[in-house]
Amino acid sequence: MSTSALDEVTLSTQPIFEGRIISLQVDTVRLPDGKTATREVVRHPGAVAVLALRDGKMLVVDQFRQPMGRCEIEIPAGKLEPGEDPYAAAVRELEEETGYRCGEIKLLQSFYTSPGFADELIHLYVTEDLVIGEMAPDEDEFLEVSEITLEEAYRYIQETRISDAKTIMAVYAWHLYTITGTFGG
């Protein structure tokens, strides 16, 4: 818990929407100067993403993203189920979305996607220990799996075919790995 002079104190919370993936609330807060303000907050259960490398290529999925109105190339990812361990979720999502099972998998970093209005925390994992399994996407999830080179990944970023933060972060981590031979830690 923070004890900074910049802390805001929540005075009340008004639930606005409760969905399958997110909820929205409006908080009334007391500011450090004693005044009050409102904060719109999106609650999210958290997610996992996997940088999966196979023979010098990264596994990606291409799927339609409704908020963007187009397809997006991304690393395999998905939301945490209630009480689910992020490690187990990463292993599960990788196989569901790509058909690959992994042996060793390592946490690279956990990060908040948009802390100005959302509490979504993504746990980014990396694995090079892959064995082909069987895809099992959610019933409302349609995607294509492919493997891309680092050069293709950068080209897709330039073309905005890759434009989400988790995938761009994974590409940068992969690039650093090719230079240093380590993912850190």
C-alpha atoms as a PDB file:
ATOM      1  CA  MET A   1       0.000   0.000   0.000  1.00  0.00           C
ATOM      2  CA  SER A   2       1.304   3.388  -0.973  1.00  0.00           C
ATOM      3  CA  THR A   3       1.779   6.175   1.560  1.00  0.00           C
ATOM      4  CA  SER A   4       2.807   8.869  -0.889  1.00  0.00           C
ATOM      5  CA  ALA A   5       1.735  12.476  -0.511  1.00  0.00           C
ATOM      6  CA  LEU A   6       0.197  11.981  -3.953  1.00  0.00           C
ATOM      7  CA  ASP A   7      -2.212   9.245  -2.831  1.00  0.00           C
ATOM      8  CA  GLU A   8      -5.915   9.634  -3.494  1.00  0.00           C
ATOM      9  CA  VAL A   9      -8.462   8.292  -1.003  1.00  0.00           C
ATOM     10  CA  THR A  10     -11.507   6.511  -2.418  1.00  0.00           C
ATOM     11  CA  LEU A  11     -14.643   7.967  -0.855  1.00  0.00           C
ATOM     12  CA  SER A  12     -17.238   5.981  -2.808  1.00  0.00           C
ATOM     13  CA  THR A  13     -17.579   3.572  -5.721  1.00  0.00           C
ATOM     14  CA  GLN A  14     -20.509   3.421  -8.130  1.00  0.00           C
ATOM     15  CA  PRO A  15     -20.733   0.239 -10.235  1.00  0.00           C
ATOM     16  CA  ILE A  16     -21.731   1.070 -13.828  1.00  0.00           C
ATOM     17  CA  PHE A  17     -21.354  -2.151 -15.828  1.00  0.00           C
ATOM     18  CA  GLU A  18     -20.543  -5.797 -15.054  1.00  0.00           C
ATOM     19  CA  GLY A  19     -19.581  -7.822 -18.132  1.00  0.00           C
ATOM     20  CA  ARG A  20     -18.119 -11.207 -18.942  1.00  0.00           C
ATOM     21  CA  ILE A  21     -14.561  -9.814 -19.164  1.00  0.00           C
ATOM     22  CA  ILE A  22     -14.555  -6.351 -17.594  1.00  0.00           C
ATOM     23  CA  SER A  23     -16.483  -4.203 -15.184  1.00  0.00           C
ATOM     24  CA  LEU A  24     -16.679  -0.422 -15.059  1.00  0.00           C
ATOM     25  CA  GLN A  25     -17.016   1.726 -11.965  1.00  0.00           C
ATOM     26  CA  VAL A  26     -16.848   5.417 -11.137  1.00  0.00           C
ATOM     27  CA  ASP A  27     -14.927   6.242  -7.972  1.00  0.00           C
ATOM     28  CA  THR A  28     -15.177   9.505  -6.076  1.00  0.00           C
ATOM     29  CA  VAL A  29     -11.780  10.293  -4.578  1.00  0.00           C
ATOM     30  CA  ARG A  30     -10.293  12.855  -2.244  1.00  0.00           C
ATOM     31  CA  LEU A  31      -7.250  14.463  -3.862  1.00  0.00           C
ATOM     32  CA  PRO A  32      -4.033  15.333  -2.018  1.00  0.00           C
ATOM     33  CA  ASP A  33      -5.199  18.970  -1.791  1.00  0.00           C
ATOM     34  CA  GLY A  34      -8.487  17.932  -0.121  1.00  0.00           C
ATOM     35  CA  LYS A  35     -10.716  18.487  -3.167  1.00  0.00           C
ATOM     36  CA  THR A  36     -12.751  15.658  -4.701  1.00  0.00           C
ATOM     37  CA  ALA A  37     -12.731  14.223  -8.226  1.00  0.00           C
ATOM     38  CA  THR A  38     -14.157  11.243 -10.100  1.00  0.00           C
ATOM     39  CA  ARG A  39     -12.159   8.404 -11.634  1.00  0.00           C
ATOM     40  CA  GLU A  40     -13.558   5.989 -14.221  1.00  0.00           C
ATOM     41  CA  VAL A  41     -12.037   2.577 -13.549  1.00  0.00           C
ATOM     42  CA  VAL A  42     -12.103  -0.552 -15.711  1.00  0.00           C
ATOM     43  CA  ARG A  43     -11.601  -3.748 -13.684  1.00  0.00           C
ATOM     44  CA  HIS A  44     -10.080  -6.719 -15.503  1.00  0.00           C
ATOM     45  CA  PRO A  45      -9.131 -10.153 -14.110  1.00  0.00           C
ATOM     46  CA  GLY A  46      -5.643  -9.984 -15.623  1.00  0.00           C
ATOM     47  CA  ALA A  47      -4.115 -11.814 -18.541  1.00  0.00           C
ATOM     48  CA  VAL A  48      -1.142 -13.786 -19.767  1.00  0.00           C
ATOM     49  CA  ALA A  49       0.836 -13.626 -22.988  1.00  0.00           C
ATOM     50  CA  VAL A  50       3.527 -15.925 -24.351  1.00  0.00           C
ATOM     51  CA  LEU A  51       6.560 -15.153 -26.470  1.00  0.00           C
ATOM     52  CA  ALA A  52       6.965 -18.613 -28.001  1.00  0.00           C
ATOM     53  CA  LEU A  53      10.106 -19.107 -30.092  1.00  0.00           C
ATOM     54  CA  ARG A  54      10.589 -22.060 -32.418  1.00  0.00           C
ATOM     55  CA  ASP A  55      13.594 -22.480 -34.713  1.00  0.00           C
ATOM     56  CA  GLY A  56      14.360 -18.757 -34.735  1.00  0.00           C
ATOM     57  CA  LYS A  57      10.761 -17.726 -35.343  1.00  0.00           C
ATOM     58  CA  MET A  58       8.002 -16.372 -33.113  1.00  0.00           C
ATOM     59  CA  LEU A  59       4.569 -18.000 -32.944  1.00  0.00           C
ATOM     60  CA  VAL A  60       1.778 -15.509 -33.598  1.00  0.00           C
ATOM     61  CA  VAL A  61      -1.960 -15.589 -34.087  1.00  0.00           C
ATOM     62  CA  ASP A  62      -3.942 -13.435 -36.477  1.00  0.00           C
ATOM     63  CA  GLN A  63      -7.480 -12.633 -35.377  1.00  0.00           C
ATOM     64  CA  PHE A  64     -10.179 -10.037 -35.800  1.00  0.00           C
ATOM     65  CA  ARG A  65     -10.288  -7.432 -33.016  1.00  0.00           C
ATOM     66  CA  GLN A  66     -13.690  -5.765 -32.754  1.00  0.00           C
ATOM     67  CA  PRO A  67     -12.532  -2.571 -30.976  1.00  0.00           C
ATOM     68  CA  MET A  68     -10.073  -1.951 -33.829  1.00  0.00           C
ATOM     69  CA  GLY A  69     -12.394  -3.161 -36.588  1.00  0.00           C
ATOM     70  CA  ARG A  70      -9.651  -5.250 -38.187  1.00  0.00           C
ATOM     71  CA  CYS A  71      -7.370  -8.238 -37.824  1.00  0.00           C
ATOM     72  CA  GLU A  72      -4.296  -7.955 -35.624  1.00  0.00           C
ATOM     73  CA  ILE A  73      -1.209 -10.185 -35.429  1.00  0.00           C
ATOM     74  CA  GLU A  74      -0.398 -10.904 -31.784  1.00  0.00           C
ATOM     75  CA  ILE A  75       1.469 -13.311 -29.574  1.00  0.00           C
ATOM     76  CA  PRO A  76      -0.756 -15.961 -27.940  1.00  0.00           C
ATOM     77  CA  ALA A  77      -2.582 -14.490 -24.959  1.00  0.00           C
ATOM     78  CA  GLY A  78      -5.724 -14.678 -22.897  1.00  0.00           C
ATOM     79  CA  LYS A  79      -7.432 -13.643 -19.719  1.00  0.00           C
ATOM     80  CA  LEU A  80      -6.992 -15.290 -16.362  1.00  0.00           C
ATOM     81  CA  GLU A  81      -9.872 -17.338 -15.019  1.00  0.00           C
ATOM     82  CA  PRO A  82     -10.921 -16.559 -11.425  1.00  0.00           C
ATOM     83  CA  GLY A  83      -8.194 -17.779  -9.058  1.00  0.00           C
ATOM     84  CA  GLU A  84      -6.074 -19.154 -11.906  1.00  0.00           C
ATOM     85  CA  ASP A  85      -2.293 -19.173 -11.538  1.00  0.00           C
ATOM     86  CA  PRO A  86      -0.706 -17.050 -14.309  1.00  0.00           C
ATOM     87  CA  TYR A  87       1.899 -19.743 -15.055  1.00  0.00           C
ATOM     88  CA  ALA A  88      -0.819 -22.352 -15.612  1.00  0.00           C
ATOM     89  CA  ALA A  89      -2.831 -19.873 -17.680  1.00  0.00           C
ATOM     90  CA  ALA A  90       0.158 -19.154 -19.936  1.00  0.00           C
ATOM     91  CA  VAL A  91       0.690 -22.870 -20.577  1.00  0.00           C
ATOM     92  CA  ARG A  92      -3.059 -23.304 -21.242  1.00  0.00           C
ATOM     93  CA  GLU A  93      -3.415 -20.289 -23.558  1.00  0.00           C
ATOM     94  CA  LEU A  94      -0.356 -21.245 -25.604  1.00  0.00           C
ATOM     95  CA  GLU A  95      -1.768 -24.684 -26.353  1.00  0.00           C
ATOM     96  CA  GLU A  96      -5.353 -23.513 -26.873  1.00  0.00           C
ATOM     97  CA  GLU A  97      -4.362 -20.819 -29.368  1.00  0.00           C
ATOM     98  CA  THR A  98      -1.401 -22.387 -31.189  1.00  0.00           C
ATOM     99  CA  GLY A  99      -1.582 -26.120 -30.606  1.00  0.00           C
ATOM    100  CA  TYR A 100       1.882 -26.099 -29.005  1.00  0.00           C
ATOM    101  CA  ARG A 101       2.595 -27.411 -25.518  1.00  0.00           C
ATOM    102  CA  CYS A 102       5.606 -26.115 -23.674  1.00  0.00           C
ATOM    103  CA  GLY A 103       7.995 -27.601 -21.187  1.00  0.00           C
ATOM    104  CA  GLU A 104      10.022 -24.859 -19.552  1.00  0.00           C
ATOM    105  CA  ILE A 105       8.386 -21.436 -19.533  1.00  0.00           C
ATOM    106  CA  LYS A 106       9.737 -18.342 -17.807  1.00  0.00           C
ATOM    107  CA  LEU A 107       8.107 -15.123 -16.625  1.00  0.00           C
ATOM    108  CA  LEU A 108       9.717 -12.151 -18.375  1.00  0.00           C
ATOM    109  CA  GLN A 109       7.725  -9.320 -16.832  1.00  0.00           C
ATOM    110  CA  SER A 110       4.302  -8.372 -15.503  1.00  0.00           C
ATOM    111  CA  PHE A 111       2.960  -4.977 -16.539  1.00  0.00           C
ATOM    112  CA  TYR A 112      -0.191  -2.876 -16.432  1.00  0.00           C
ATOM    113  CA  THR A 113      -1.677  -2.102 -19.832  1.00  0.00           C
ATOM    114  CA  SER A 114      -3.285   1.293 -19.105  1.00  0.00           C
ATOM    115  CA  PRO A 115      -2.970   2.264 -15.420  1.00  0.00           C
ATOM    116  CA  GLY A 116      -4.660   5.609 -15.997  1.00  0.00           C
ATOM    117  CA  PHE A 117      -8.048   3.883 -16.197  1.00  0.00           C
ATOM    118  CA  ALA A 118      -7.656   0.078 -15.993  1.00  0.00           C
ATOM    119  CA  ASP A 119      -6.198  -2.461 -13.568  1.00  0.00           C
ATOM    120  CA  GLU A 120      -5.414  -5.104 -16.230  1.00  0.00           C
ATOM    121  CA  LEU A 121      -2.096  -6.779 -15.386  1.00  0.00           C
ATOM    122  CA  ILE A 122      -0.486  -8.886 -18.117  1.00  0.00           C
ATOM    123  CA  HIS A 123       2.083 -11.540 -17.243  1.00  0.00           C
ATOM    124  CA  LEU A 124       4.458 -11.989 -20.208  1.00  0.00           C
ATOM    125  CA  TYR A 125       6.153 -15.388 -20.437  1.00  0.00           C
ATOM    126  CA  VAL A 126       8.785 -16.789 -22.808  1.00  0.00           C
ATOM    127  CA  THR A 127       9.425 -20.341 -23.954  1.00  0.00           C
ATOM    128  CA  GLU A 128      11.603 -22.062 -26.526  1.00  0.00           C
ATOM    129  CA  ASP A 129      10.632 -25.540 -25.298  1.00  0.00           C
ATOM    130  CA  LEU A 130       7.781 -26.391 -27.661  1.00  0.00           C
ATOM    131  CA  VAL A 131       6.109 -29.640 -28.705  1.00  0.00           C
ATOM    132  CA  ILE A 132       3.239 -29.775 -31.168  1.00  0.00           C
ATOM    133  CA  GLY A 133      -0.110 -30.507 -29.549  1.00  0.00           C
ATOM    134  CA  GLU A 134      -3.665 -29.692 -30.528  1.00  0.00           C
ATOM    135  CA  MET A 135      -5.364 -26.309 -30.816  1.00  0.00           C
ATOM    136  CA  ALA A 136      -8.515 -25.760 -28.771  1.00  0.00           C
ATOM    137  CA  PRO A 137      -9.616 -22.132 -29.209  1.00  0.00           C
ATOM    138  CA  ASP A 138     -12.673 -20.784 -27.413  1.00  0.00           C
ATOM    139  CA  GLU A 139     -15.902 -21.377 -29.335  1.00  0.00           C
ATOM    140  CA  ASP A 140     -16.133 -17.687 -30.299  1.00  0.00           C
ATOM    141  CA  GLU A 141     -12.412 -17.402 -31.156  1.00  0.00           C
ATOM    142  CA  PHE A 142     -11.292 -17.696 -34.774  1.00  0.00           C
ATOM    143  CA  LEU A 143      -7.592 -17.351 -35.475  1.00  0.00           C
ATOM    144  CA  GLU A 144      -4.767 -18.359 -37.763  1.00  0.00           C
ATOM    145  CA  VAL A 145      -1.391 -19.425 -36.383  1.00  0.00           C
ATOM    146  CA  SER A 146       1.897 -18.696 -38.094  1.00  0.00           C
ATOM    147  CA  GLU A 147       5.596 -18.322 -37.372  1.00  0.00           C
ATOM    148  CA  ILE A 148       7.409 -15.105 -38.235  1.00  0.00           C
ATOM    149  CA  THR A 149      11.007 -13.972 -38.265  1.00  0.00           C
ATOM    150  CA  LEU A 150      12.277 -10.988 -36.310  1.00  0.00           C
ATOM    151  CA  GLU A 151      12.540  -9.040 -39.565  1.00  0.00           C
ATOM    152  CA  GLU A 152       8.904  -9.853 -40.408  1.00  0.00           C
ATOM    153  CA  ALA A 153       7.855  -8.798 -36.907  1.00  0.00           C
ATOM    154  CA  TYR A 154       9.466  -5.391 -37.359  1.00  0.00           C
ATOM    155  CA  ARG A 155       7.884  -5.029 -40.798  1.00  0.00           C
ATOM    156  CA  TYR A 156       4.461  -5.893 -39.329  1.00  0.00           C
ATOM    157  CA  ILE A 157       4.999  -3.259 -36.631  1.00  0.00           C
ATOM    158  CA  GLN A 158       5.808  -0.683 -39.344  1.00  0.00           C
ATOM    159  CA  GLU A 159       2.696  -1.736 -41.279  1.00  0.00           C
ATOM    160  CA  THR A 160       0.603  -1.645 -38.022  1.00  0.00           C
ATOM    161  CA  ARG A 161      -0.361  -5.293 -38.511  1.00  0.00           C
ATOM    162  CA  ILE A 162       1.255  -5.648 -35.078  1.00  0.00           C
ATOM    163  CA  SER A 163       0.198  -2.696 -32.947  1.00  0.00           C
ATOM    164  CA  ASP A 164      -0.624  -3.989 -29.469  1.00  0.00           C
ATOM    165  CA  ALA A 165       1.747  -3.291 -26.585  1.00  0.00           C
ATOM    166  CA  LYS A 166       2.254  -6.872 -25.403  1.00  0.00           C
ATOM    167  CA  THR A 167       3.355  -8.081 -28.837  1.00  0.00           C
ATOM    168  CA  ILE A 168       5.589  -5.072 -29.482  1.00  0.00           C
ATOM    169  CA  MET A 169       7.163  -5.611 -26.037  1.00  0.00           C
ATOM    170  CA  ALA A 170       7.705  -9.281 -26.888  1.00  0.00           C
ATOM    171  CA  VAL A 171       9.374  -8.383 -30.195  1.00  0.00           C
ATOM    172  CA  TYR A 172      11.732  -5.966 -28.408  1.00  0.00           C
ATOM    173  CA  ALA A 173      12.553  -8.617 -25.779  1.00  0.00           C
ATOM    174  CA  TRP A 174      13.223 -11.142 -28.543  1.00  0.00           C
ATOM    175  CA  HIS A 175      15.461  -8.667 -30.361  1.00  0.00           C
ATOM    176  CA  LEU A 176      17.428  -8.002 -27.169  1.00  0.00           C
ATOM    177  CA  TYR A 177      17.742 -11.763 -26.683  1.00  0.00           C
ATOM    178  CA  THR A 178      19.258 -12.135 -30.167  1.00  0.00           C
ATOM    179  CA  ILE A 179      21.881  -9.523 -29.239  1.00  0.00           C
ATOM    180  CA  THR A 180      22.685 -10.560 -25.652  1.00  0.00           C
ATOM    181  CA  GLY A 181      21.745 -14.249 -25.561  1.00  0.00           C
ATOM    182  CA  THR A 182      19.649 -13.739 -22.444  1.00  0.00           C
ATOM    183  CA  PHE A 183      16.170 -12.610 -21.471  1.00  0.00           C
ATOM    184  CA  GLY A 184      17.555 -11.147 -18.257  1.00  0.00           C
ATOM    185  CA  GLY A 185      16.776 -12.170 -14.730  1.00  0.00           C
END
